[in-house]
């Protein structure tokens, strides 16, 4: 697009590479949505002490998810 300053990584990626990324995202959409739903189901934002176990569970889930990647 004329007049738009895209970030460097976008300017360096080829059309073929972008299509591969988009294809991967489409193929794994259900899994990504599943994982997101699983994570957001944990009540992880709270100032109430009774939710501390939930906060720990959410952080443990995220750590494990990152390790699995």
Protein backbone atom coordinates (compact mmCIF):
# COMPACT_ATOMS: atom_id res chain seq x y z
CA UNK A 1 0.00 0.00 0.00
CA UNK A 2 1.27 3.39 -0.89
CA UNK A 3 1.95 5.63 2.10
CA UNK A 4 1.75 2.81 4.66
CA UNK A 5 4.91 2.00 6.60
CA UNK A 6 4.73 -1.72 7.34
CA UNK A 7 6.93 -3.23 10.04
CA UNK A 8 10.18 -4.69 8.73
CA UNK A 9 9.14 -8.33 9.21
CA UNK A 10 6.12 -7.79 6.97
CA UNK A 11 8.23 -6.18 4.28
CA UNK A 12 10.72 -9.07 4.32
CA UNK A 13 8.25 -11.95 4.08
CA UNK A 14 7.42 -13.29 0.64
CA UNK A 15 3.92 -13.93 -0.62
CA UNK A 16 4.65 -17.68 -0.55
CA UNK A 17 5.78 -17.51 3.08
CA UNK A 18 2.71 -15.51 4.07
CA UNK A 19 0.47 -18.04 2.33
CA UNK A 20 2.20 -20.85 4.27
CA UNK A 21 1.60 -19.00 7.55
CA UNK A 22 -2.04 -18.35 6.70
CA UNK A 23 -2.51 -21.97 5.64
CA UNK A 24 -1.05 -23.18 8.95
CA UNK A 25 -3.33 -20.84 10.89
CA UNK A 26 -6.39 -22.04 8.98
CA UNK A 27 -5.51 -25.71 9.45
CA UNK A 28 -4.99 -25.25 13.19
CA UNK A 29 -7.80 -22.77 13.86
CA UNK A 30 -9.92 -25.23 15.86
CA UNK A 31 -6.96 -26.18 18.06
CA UNK A 32 -6.03 -22.53 18.64
CA UNK A 33 -9.59 -21.65 19.60
CA UNK A 34 -9.76 -24.69 21.87
CA UNK A 35 -6.56 -23.71 23.66
CA UNK A 36 -7.68 -20.10 23.98
CA UNK A 37 -11.05 -21.17 25.39
CA UNK A 38 -9.32 -23.47 27.86
CA UNK A 39 -7.06 -20.67 29.07
CA UNK A 40 -9.68 -17.92 29.35
CA UNK A 41 -11.97 -20.27 31.28
CA UNK A 42 -9.55 -19.99 34.21
CA UNK A 43 -10.55 -16.98 36.37
CA UNK A 44 -7.05 -15.50 36.32
CA UNK A 45 -7.68 -11.80 36.92
CA UNK A 46 -8.60 -11.10 40.48
CA UNK A 47 -7.58 -9.07 43.48
CA UNK A 48 -9.39 -11.50 45.76
CA UNK A 49 -7.19 -13.85 47.75
CA UNK A 50 -9.64 -16.70 47.28
CA UNK A 51 -8.71 -16.77 43.58
CA UNK A 52 -4.98 -17.22 44.16
CA UNK A 53 -5.19 -20.94 43.23
CA UNK A 54 -6.82 -19.92 39.93
CA UNK A 55 -4.02 -17.46 39.23
CA UNK A 56 -1.44 -20.16 39.89
CA UNK A 57 -3.37 -22.62 37.70
CA UNK A 58 -3.49 -20.07 34.87
CA UNK A 59 0.22 -19.36 35.11
CA UNK A 60 1.02 -23.10 35.22
CA UNK A 61 -1.19 -23.66 32.18
CA UNK A 62 0.60 -20.90 30.27
CA UNK A 63 4.06 -22.15 31.22
CA UNK A 64 3.19 -25.68 30.09
CA UNK A 65 1.66 -24.41 26.87
CA UNK A 66 4.82 -22.45 26.07
CA UNK A 67 6.97 -25.50 26.79
CA UNK A 68 4.79 -27.59 24.48
CA UNK A 69 5.33 -25.15 21.64
